Amino acid sequence: MPTVSKNAARIASWLGLIGQLCTLTFYGASGLLAPTWAITTLLLAWLALLAIAIRSVRQNSPWGLLIPFLSIALWFATISAGEAFLNWKA
């Protein structure tokens, strides 16, 4: 099994952290569609993912690169489910 070099892992973890910070705009824009309780829950989930991204940077884990993708998937699923099942409208 190939191993990831230390520099590549460091770069991947930092890219994951930067990507996670960029996803905050999506979560902030949710206020146009979602109710307050949903925005609060989404922001708490975003903070938890940010903590995982920071931990991956500290440990130089290349898995941190997946965090922004998980974050966008969670946001999209939540907003789509809210629109479909809870009748959220802009």
PDB file of N, CA and C in Angstrom:
ATOM      1  N   MET A   1       0.854  -1.179   0.000  1.00  0.00           N
ATOM      2  CA  MET A   1       0.000   0.000   0.000  1.00  0.00           C
ATOM      3  C   MET A   1       0.896   1.237   0.000  1.00  0.00           C
ATOM      4  N   PRO A   2       0.691   2.159  -0.937  1.00  0.00           N
ATOM      5  CA  PRO A   2       1.546   3.350  -0.977  1.00  0.00           C
ATOM      6  C   PRO A   2       1.261   4.267   0.211  1.00  0.00           C
ATOM      7  N   THR A   3       2.311   4.883   0.675  1.00  0.00           N
ATOM      8  CA  THR A   3       2.157   5.822   1.789  1.00  0.00           C
ATOM      9  C   THR A   3       2.207   7.246   1.259  1.00  0.00           C
ATOM     10  N   VAL A   4       1.560   8.133   1.970  1.00  0.00           N
ATOM     11  CA  VAL A   4       1.533   9.539   1.593  1.00  0.00           C
ATOM     12  C   VAL A   4       2.715  10.224   2.259  1.00  0.00           C
ATOM     13  N   SER A   5       3.448  11.023   1.482  1.00  0.00           N
ATOM     14  CA  SER A   5       4.586  11.718   2.073  1.00  0.00           C
ATOM     15  C   SER A   5       4.104  12.733   3.099  1.00  0.00           C
ATOM     16  N   LYS A   6       5.008  13.095   3.996  1.00  0.00           N
ATOM     17  CA  LYS A   6       4.649  14.017   5.074  1.00  0.00           C
ATOM     18  C   LYS A   6       4.232  15.383   4.525  1.00  0.00           C
ATOM     19  N   ASN A   7       4.932  15.866   3.511  1.00  0.00           N
ATOM     20  CA  ASN A   7       4.581  17.169   2.930  1.00  0.00           C
ATOM     21  C   ASN A   7       3.233  17.129   2.221  1.00  0.00           C
ATOM     22  N   ALA A   8       2.954  16.045   1.513  1.00  0.00           N
ATOM     23  CA  ALA A   8       1.664  15.923   0.830  1.00  0.00           C
ATOM     24  C   ALA A   8       0.524  15.861   1.839  1.00  0.00           C
ATOM     25  N   ALA A   9       0.733  15.159   2.936  1.00  0.00           N
ATOM     26  CA  ALA A   9      -0.291  15.077   3.982  1.00  0.00           C
ATOM     27  C   ALA A   9      -0.512  16.441   4.621  1.00  0.00           C
ATOM     28  N   ARG A  10       0.563  17.175   4.837  1.00  0.00           N
ATOM     29  CA  ARG A  10       0.449  18.516   5.427  1.00  0.00           C
ATOM     30  C   ARG A  10      -0.323  19.446   4.495  1.00  0.00           C
ATOM     31  N   ILE A  11      -0.007  19.412   3.213  1.00  0.00           N
ATOM     32  CA  ILE A  11      -0.698  20.258   2.238  1.00  0.00           C
ATOM     33  C   ILE A  11      -2.173  19.870   2.147  1.00  0.00           C
ATOM     34  N   ALA A  12      -2.452  18.571   2.131  1.00  0.00           N
ATOM     35  CA  ALA A  12      -3.843  18.114   2.049  1.00  0.00           C
ATOM     36  C   ALA A  12      -4.640  18.555   3.266  1.00  0.00           C
ATOM     37  N   SER A  13      -4.044  18.460   4.436  1.00  0.00           N
ATOM     38  CA  SER A  13      -4.778  18.862   5.644  1.00  0.00           C
ATOM     39  C   SER A  13      -5.034  20.365   5.658  1.00  0.00           C
ATOM     40  N   TRP A  14      -4.062  21.160   5.218  1.00  0.00           N
ATOM     41  CA  TRP A  14      -4.270  22.612   5.160  1.00  0.00           C
ATOM     42  C   TRP A  14      -5.308  22.984   4.109  1.00  0.00           C
ATOM     43  N   LEU A  15      -5.293  22.308   2.973  1.00  0.00           N
ATOM     44  CA  LEU A  15      -6.317  22.562   1.951  1.00  0.00           C
ATOM     45  C   LEU A  15      -7.708  22.215   2.475  1.00  0.00           C
ATOM     46  N   GLY A  16      -7.788  21.157   3.266  1.00  0.00           N
ATOM     47  CA  GLY A  16      -9.063  20.799   3.878  1.00  0.00           C
ATOM     48  C   GLY A  16      -9.556  21.867   4.833  1.00  0.00           C
ATOM     49  N   LEU A  17      -8.645  22.426   5.631  1.00  0.00           N
ATOM     50  CA  LEU A  17      -9.030  23.483   6.570  1.00  0.00           C
ATOM     51  C   LEU A  17      -9.474  24.738   5.822  1.00  0.00           C
ATOM     52  N   ILE A  18      -8.742  25.118   4.796  1.00  0.00           N
ATOM     53  CA  ILE A  18      -9.115  26.291   4.000  1.00  0.00           C
ATOM     54  C   ILE A  18     -10.456  26.052   3.309  1.00  0.00           C
ATOM     55  N   GLY A  19     -10.649  24.853   2.781  1.00  0.00           N
ATOM     56  CA  GLY A  19     -11.922  24.524   2.152  1.00  0.00           C
ATOM     57  C   GLY A  19     -13.076  24.574   3.135  1.00  0.00           C
ATOM     58  N   GLN A  20     -12.838  24.106   4.355  1.00  0.00           N
ATOM     59  CA  GLN A  20     -13.889  24.153   5.371  1.00  0.00           C
ATOM     60  C   GLN A  20     -14.249  25.593   5.705  1.00  0.00           C
ATOM     61  N   LEU A  21     -13.271  26.453   5.792  1.00  0.00           N
ATOM     62  CA  LEU A  21     -13.555  27.867   6.056  1.00  0.00           C
ATOM     63  C   LEU A  21     -14.360  28.487   4.914  1.00  0.00           C
ATOM     64  N   CYS A  22     -14.108  28.049   3.693  1.00  0.00           N
ATOM     65  CA  CYS A  22     -14.854  28.572   2.541  1.00  0.00           C
ATOM     66  C   CYS A  22     -16.310  28.123   2.540  1.00  0.00           C
ATOM     67  N   THR A  23     -16.604  26.991   3.155  1.00  0.00           N
ATOM     68  CA  THR A  23     -17.990  26.515   3.169  1.00  0.00           C
ATOM     69  C   THR A  23     -18.873  27.330   4.101  1.00  0.00           C
ATOM     70  N   LEU A  24     -18.290  28.161   4.939  1.00  0.00           N
ATOM     71  CA  LEU A  24     -19.089  28.967   5.864  1.00  0.00           C
ATOM     72  C   LEU A  24     -20.057  29.882   5.114  1.00  0.00           C
ATOM     73  N   THR A  25     -19.707  30.314   3.912  1.00  0.00           N
ATOM     74  CA  THR A  25     -20.605  31.190   3.150  1.00  0.00           C
ATOM     75  C   THR A  25     -21.919  30.489   2.819  1.00  0.00           C
ATOM     76  N   PHE A  26     -21.850  29.193   2.512  1.00  0.00           N
ATOM     77  CA  PHE A  26     -23.073  28.437   2.241  1.00  0.00           C
ATOM     78  C   PHE A  26     -23.939  28.354   3.492  1.00  0.00           C
ATOM     79  N   TYR A  27     -23.301  28.072   4.608  1.00  0.00           N
ATOM     80  CA  TYR A  27     -24.039  27.951   5.864  1.00  0.00           C
ATOM     81  C   TYR A  27     -24.630  29.296   6.278  1.00  0.00           C
ATOM     82  N   GLY A  28     -23.908  30.372   6.041  1.00  0.00           N
ATOM     83  CA  GLY A  28     -24.423  31.697   6.373  1.00  0.00           C
ATOM     84  C   GLY A  28     -25.583  32.105   5.487  1.00  0.00           C
ATOM     85  N   ALA A  29     -25.529  31.718   4.226  1.00  0.00           N
ATOM     86  CA  ALA A  29     -26.608  32.061   3.298  1.00  0.00           C
ATOM     87  C   ALA A  29     -27.867  31.241   3.545  1.00  0.00           C
ATOM     88  N   SER A  30     -27.779  30.231   4.375  1.00  0.00           N
ATOM     89  CA  SER A  30     -28.949  29.406   4.678  1.00  0.00           C
ATOM     90  C   SER A  30     -30.027  30.196   5.395  1.00  0.00           C
ATOM     91  N   GLY A  31     -29.667  31.317   5.980  1.00  0.00           N
ATOM     92  CA  GLY A  31     -30.641  32.154   6.667  1.00  0.00           C
ATOM     93  C   GLY A  31     -31.716  32.695   5.747  1.00  0.00           C
ATOM     94  N   LEU A  32     -31.472  32.670   4.454  1.00  0.00           N
ATOM     95  CA  LEU A  32     -32.471  33.125   3.496  1.00  0.00           C
ATOM     96  C   LEU A  32     -33.567  32.089   3.276  1.00  0.00           C
ATOM     97  N   LEU A  33     -33.323  30.860   3.676  1.00  0.00           N
ATOM     98  CA  LEU A  33     -34.253  29.773   3.387  1.00  0.00           C
ATOM     99  C   LEU A  33     -34.700  29.017   4.632  1.00  0.00           C
ATOM    100  N   ALA A  34     -33.778  28.742   5.520  1.00  0.00           N
ATOM    101  CA  ALA A  34     -34.062  27.865   6.657  1.00  0.00           C
ATOM    102  C   ALA A  34     -34.493  28.663   7.889  1.00  0.00           C
ATOM    103  N   PRO A  35     -35.260  28.029   8.786  1.00  0.00           N
ATOM    104  CA  PRO A  35     -35.629  28.700  10.035  1.00  0.00           C
ATOM    105  C   PRO A  35     -34.440  28.773  10.999  1.00  0.00           C
ATOM    106  N   THR A  36     -34.604  29.551  12.045  1.00  0.00           N
ATOM    107  CA  THR A  36     -33.506  29.803  12.983  1.00  0.00           C
ATOM    108  C   THR A  36     -32.983  28.527  13.624  1.00  0.00           C
ATOM    109  N   TRP A  37     -33.869  27.618  14.011  1.00  0.00           N
ATOM    110  CA  TRP A  37     -33.409  26.394  14.665  1.00  0.00           C
ATOM    111  C   TRP A  37     -32.547  25.559  13.722  1.00  0.00           C
ATOM    112  N   ALA A  38     -32.871  25.550  12.435  1.00  0.00           N
ATOM    113  CA  ALA A  38     -32.091  24.781  11.469  1.00  0.00           C
ATOM    114  C   ALA A  38     -30.736  25.433  11.219  1.00  0.00           C
ATOM    115  N   ILE A  39     -30.706  26.753  11.172  1.00  0.00           N
ATOM    116  CA  ILE A  39     -29.440  27.462  10.975  1.00  0.00           C
ATOM    117  C   ILE A  39     -28.522  27.220  12.162  1.00  0.00           C
ATOM    118  N   THR A  40     -29.075  27.278  13.367  1.00  0.00           N
ATOM    119  CA  THR A  40     -28.279  27.030  14.568  1.00  0.00           C
ATOM    120  C   THR A  40     -27.697  25.621  14.548  1.00  0.00           C
ATOM    121  N   THR A  41     -28.515  24.649  14.194  1.00  0.00           N
ATOM    122  CA  THR A  41     -28.043  23.266  14.120  1.00  0.00           C
ATOM    123  C   THR A  41     -26.972  23.106  13.048  1.00  0.00           C
ATOM    124  N   LEU A  42     -27.187  23.722  11.892  1.00  0.00           N
ATOM    125  CA  LEU A  42     -26.189  23.653  10.822  1.00  0.00           C
ATOM    126  C   LEU A  42     -24.869  24.288  11.245  1.00  0.00           C
ATOM    127  N   LEU A  43     -24.938  25.431  11.919  1.00  0.00           N
ATOM    128  CA  LEU A  43     -23.703  26.090  12.347  1.00  0.00           C
ATOM    129  C   LEU A  43     -22.973  25.281  13.414  1.00  0.00           C
ATOM    130  N   LEU A  44     -23.707  24.600  14.283  1.00  0.00           N
ATOM    131  CA  LEU A  44     -23.061  23.722  15.264  1.00  0.00           C
ATOM    132  C   LEU A  44     -22.370  22.546  14.570  1.00  0.00           C
ATOM    133  N   ALA A  45     -23.018  21.997  13.547  1.00  0.00           N
ATOM    134  CA  ALA A  45     -22.395  20.925  12.770  1.00  0.00           C
ATOM    135  C   ALA A  45     -21.161  21.442  12.041  1.00  0.00           C
ATOM    136  N   TRP A  46     -21.252  22.669  11.513  1.00  0.00           N
ATOM    137  CA  TRP A  46     -20.098  23.269  10.836  1.00  0.00           C
ATOM    138  C   TRP A  46     -18.931  23.444  11.812  1.00  0.00           C
ATOM    139  N   LEU A  47     -19.226  23.888  13.024  1.00  0.00           N
ATOM    140  CA  LEU A  47     -18.172  24.047  14.030  1.00  0.00           C
ATOM    141  C   LEU A  47     -17.534  22.710  14.391  1.00  0.00           C
ATOM    142  N   ALA A  48     -18.329  21.657  14.476  1.00  0.00           N
ATOM    143  CA  ALA A  48     -17.781  20.329  14.757  1.00  0.00           C
ATOM    144  C   ALA A  48     -16.857  19.882  13.624  1.00  0.00           C
ATOM    145  N   LEU A  49     -17.273  20.119  12.385  1.00  0.00           N
ATOM    146  CA  LEU A  49     -16.419  19.772  11.246  1.00  0.00           C
ATOM    147  C   LEU A  49     -15.161  20.633  11.213  1.00  0.00           C
ATOM    148  N   LEU A  50     -15.273  21.892  11.627  1.00  0.00           N
ATOM    149  CA  LEU A  50     -14.095  22.750  11.710  1.00  0.00           C
ATOM    150  C   LEU A  50     -13.113  22.207  12.742  1.00  0.00           C
ATOM    151  N   ALA A  51     -13.618  21.742  13.870  1.00  0.00           N
ATOM    152  CA  ALA A  51     -12.747  21.164  14.895  1.00  0.00           C
ATOM    153  C   ALA A  51     -12.028  19.926  14.368  1.00  0.00           C
ATOM    154  N   ILE A  52     -12.730  19.112  13.588  1.00  0.00           N
ATOM    155  CA  ILE A  52     -12.095  17.937  12.991  1.00  0.00           C
ATOM    156  C   ILE A  52     -11.031  18.366  11.984  1.00  0.00           C
ATOM    157  N   ALA A  53     -11.308  19.404  11.204  1.00  0.00           N
ATOM    158  CA  ALA A  53     -10.330  19.903  10.229  1.00  0.00           C
ATOM    159  C   ALA A  53      -9.091  20.447  10.935  1.00  0.00           C
ATOM    160  N   ILE A  54      -9.286  21.159  12.033  1.00  0.00           N
ATOM    161  CA  ILE A  54      -8.140  21.681  12.790  1.00  0.00           C
ATOM    162  C   ILE A  54      -7.326  20.531  13.368  1.00  0.00           C
ATOM    163  N   ARG A  55      -8.015  19.519  13.873  1.00  0.00           N
ATOM    164  CA  ARG A  55      -7.298  18.364  14.417  1.00  0.00           C
ATOM    165  C   ARG A  55      -6.499  17.653  13.328  1.00  0.00           C
ATOM    166  N   SER A  56      -7.049  17.576  12.123  1.00  0.00           N
ATOM    167  CA  SER A  56      -6.318  16.925  11.034  1.00  0.00           C
ATOM    168  C   SER A  56      -5.080  17.723  10.641  1.00  0.00           C
ATOM    169  N   VAL A  57      -5.153  19.061  10.738  1.00  0.00           N
ATOM    170  CA  VAL A  57      -3.969  19.882  10.460  1.00  0.00           C
ATOM    171  C   VAL A  57      -2.905  19.631  11.522  1.00  0.00           C
ATOM    172  N   ARG A  58      -3.326  19.567  12.768  1.00  0.00           N
ATOM    173  CA  ARG A  58      -2.363  19.346  13.855  1.00  0.00           C
ATOM    174  C   ARG A  58      -1.701  17.978  13.757  1.00  0.00           C
ATOM    175  N   GLN A  59      -2.433  16.995  13.226  1.00  0.00           N
ATOM    176  CA  GLN A  59      -1.893  15.644  13.094  1.00  0.00           C
ATOM    177  C   GLN A  59      -1.323  15.372  11.700  1.00  0.00           C
ATOM    178  N   ASN A  60      -1.359  16.365  10.826  1.00  0.00           N
ATOM    179  CA  ASN A  60      -0.903  16.218   9.433  1.00  0.00           C
ATOM    180  C   ASN A  60      -1.582  15.038   8.739  1.00  0.00           C
ATOM    181  N   SER A  61      -2.884  14.942   8.911  1.00  0.00           N
ATOM    182  CA  SER A  61      -3.645  13.843   8.324  1.00  0.00           C
ATOM    183  C   SER A  61      -4.195  14.246   6.955  1.00  0.00           C
ATOM    184  N   PRO A  62      -3.935  13.448   5.934  1.00  0.00           N
ATOM    185  CA  PRO A  62      -4.477  13.780   4.613  1.00  0.00           C
ATOM    186  C   PRO A  62      -5.993  13.624   4.543  1.00  0.00           C
ATOM    187  N   TRP A  63      -6.597  12.960   5.523  1.00  0.00           N
ATOM    188  CA  TRP A  63      -8.044  12.783   5.543  1.00  0.00           C
ATOM    189  C   TRP A  63      -8.770  14.102   5.764  1.00  0.00           C
ATOM    190  N   GLY A  64      -8.074  15.107   6.226  1.00  0.00           N
ATOM    191  CA  GLY A  64      -8.686  16.415   6.417  1.00  0.00           C
ATOM    192  C   GLY A  64      -9.190  17.027   5.127  1.00  0.00           C
ATOM    193  N   LEU A  65      -8.661  16.570   4.009  1.00  0.00           N
ATOM    194  CA  LEU A  65      -9.100  17.084   2.711  1.00  0.00           C
ATOM    195  C   LEU A  65     -10.560  16.710   2.414  1.00  0.00           C
ATOM    196  N   LEU A  66     -11.071  15.685   3.069  1.00  0.00           N
ATOM    197  CA  LEU A  66     -12.459  15.270   2.848  1.00  0.00           C
ATOM    198  C   LEU A  66     -13.472  16.131   3.596  1.00  0.00           C
ATOM    199  N   ILE A  67     -13.038  16.863   4.604  1.00  0.00           N
ATOM    200  CA  ILE A  67     -13.952  17.613   5.469  1.00  0.00           C
ATOM    201  C   ILE A  67     -14.809  18.615   4.687  1.00  0.00           C
ATOM    202  N   PRO A  68     -14.251  19.441   3.799  1.00  0.00           N
ATOM    203  CA  PRO A  68     -15.125  20.383   3.083  1.00  0.00           C
ATOM    204  C   PRO A  68     -16.169  19.688   2.206  1.00  0.00           C
ATOM    205  N   PHE A  69     -15.827  18.545   1.654  1.00  0.00           N
ATOM    206  CA  PHE A  69     -16.788  17.813   0.834  1.00  0.00           C
ATOM    207  C   PHE A  69     -17.923  17.262   1.694  1.00  0.00           C
ATOM    208  N   LEU A  70     -17.579  16.763   2.875  1.00  0.00           N
ATOM    209  CA  LEU A  70     -18.609  16.316   3.815  1.00  0.00           C
ATOM    210  C   LEU A  70     -19.479  17.483   4.257  1.00  0.00           C
ATOM    211  N   SER A  71     -18.857  18.624   4.454  1.00  0.00           N
ATOM    212  CA  SER A  71     -19.574  19.811   4.901  1.00  0.00           C
ATOM    213  C   SER A  71     -20.593  20.269   3.857  1.00  0.00           C
ATOM    214  N   ILE A  72     -20.190  20.319   2.615  1.00  0.00           N
ATOM    215  CA  ILE A  72     -21.102  20.724   1.537  1.00  0.00           C
ATOM    216  C   ILE A  72     -22.207  19.684   1.361  1.00  0.00           C
ATOM    217  N   ALA A  73     -21.866  18.400   1.466  1.00  0.00           N
ATOM    218  CA  ALA A  73     -22.884  17.355   1.341  1.00  0.00           C
ATOM    219  C   ALA A  73     -23.915  17.462   2.461  1.00  0.00           C
ATOM    220  N   LEU A  74     -23.463  17.716   3.683  1.00  0.00           N
ATOM    221  CA  LEU A  74     -24.377  17.879   4.811  1.00  0.00           C
ATOM    222  C   LEU A  74     -25.281  19.086   4.603  1.00  0.00           C
ATOM    223  N   TRP A  75     -24.697  20.200   4.179  1.00  0.00           N
ATOM    224  CA  TRP A  75     -25.481  21.412   3.944  1.00  0.00           C
ATOM    225  C   TRP A  75     -26.528  21.181   2.853  1.00  0.00           C
ATOM    226  N   PHE A  76     -26.097  20.612   1.736  1.00  0.00           N
ATOM    227  CA  PHE A  76     -27.008  20.387   0.611  1.00  0.00           C
ATOM    228  C   PHE A  76     -28.134  19.437   0.996  1.00  0.00           C
ATOM    229  N   ALA A  77     -27.804  18.361   1.702  1.00  0.00           N
ATOM    230  CA  ALA A  77     -28.824  17.398   2.119  1.00  0.00           C
ATOM    231  C   ALA A  77     -29.819  18.035   3.080  1.00  0.00           C
ATOM    232  N   THR A  78     -29.327  18.842   4.005  1.00  0.00           N
ATOM    233  CA  THR A  78     -30.214  19.480   4.979  1.00  0.00           C
ATOM    234  C   THR A  78     -31.146  20.476   4.308  1.00  0.00           C
ATOM    235  N   ILE A  79     -30.606  21.324   3.458  1.00  0.00           N
ATOM    236  CA  ILE A  79     -31.431  22.329   2.782  1.00  0.00           C
ATOM    237  C   ILE A  79     -32.423  21.664   1.830  1.00  0.00           C
ATOM    238  N   SER A  80     -31.980  20.646   1.113  1.00  0.00           N
ATOM    239  CA  SER A  80     -32.885  19.948   0.193  1.00  0.00           C
ATOM    240  C   SER A  80     -34.000  19.231   0.946  1.00  0.00           C
ATOM    241  N   ALA A  81     -33.660  18.579   2.055  1.00  0.00           N
ATOM    242  CA  ALA A  81     -34.678  17.892   2.854  1.00  0.00           C
ATOM    243  C   ALA A  81     -35.650  18.898   3.463  1.00  0.00           C
ATOM    244  N   GLY A  82     -35.149  20.032   3.897  1.00  0.00           N
ATOM    245  CA  GLY A  82     -36.022  21.060   4.448  1.00  0.00           C
ATOM    246  C   GLY A  82     -36.996  21.597   3.421  1.00  0.00           C
ATOM    247  N   GLU A  83     -36.508  21.779   2.209  1.00  0.00           N
ATOM    248  CA  GLU A  83     -37.389  22.242   1.130  1.00  0.00           C
ATOM    249  C   GLU A  83     -38.436  21.192   0.778  1.00  0.00           C
ATOM    250  N   ALA A  84     -37.999  19.934   0.711  1.00  0.00           N
ATOM    251  CA  ALA A  84     -38.894  18.870   0.269  1.00  0.00           C
ATOM    252  C   ALA A  84     -39.914  18.470   1.334  1.00  0.00           C
ATOM    253  N   PHE A  85     -39.469  18.350   2.576  1.00  0.00           N
ATOM    254  CA  PHE A  85     -40.332  17.772   3.603  1.00  0.00           C
ATOM    255  C   PHE A  85     -40.876  18.779   4.613  1.00  0.00           C
ATOM    256  N   LEU A  86     -40.172  19.879   4.817  1.00  0.00           N
ATOM    257  CA  LEU A  86     -40.594  20.842   5.834  1.00  0.00           C
ATOM    258  C   LEU A  86     -41.134  22.135   5.236  1.00  0.00           C
ATOM    259  N   ASN A  87     -41.214  22.170   3.907  1.00  0.00           N
ATOM    260  CA  ASN A  87     -41.826  23.302   3.203  1.00  0.00           C
ATOM    261  C   ASN A  87     -41.087  24.623   3.417  1.00  0.00           C
ATOM    262  N   TRP A  88     -39.748  24.555   3.466  1.00  0.00           N
ATOM    263  CA  TRP A  88     -38.978  25.798   3.580  1.00  0.00           C
ATOM    264  C   TRP A  88     -39.013  26.498   2.233  1.00  0.00           C
ATOM    265  N   LYS A  89     -39.293  27.767   2.246  1.00  0.00           N
ATOM    266  CA  LYS A  89     -39.333  28.559   1.010  1.00  0.00           C
ATOM    267  C   LYS A  89     -38.536  29.835   1.214  1.00  0.00           C
ATOM    268  N   ALA A  90     -37.915  30.291   0.156  1.00  0.00           N
ATOM    269  CA  ALA A  90     -37.142  31.533   0.232  1.00  0.00           C
ATOM    270  C   ALA A  90     -38.055  32.737   0.218  1.00  0.00           C
TER     271      ALA A  90
END
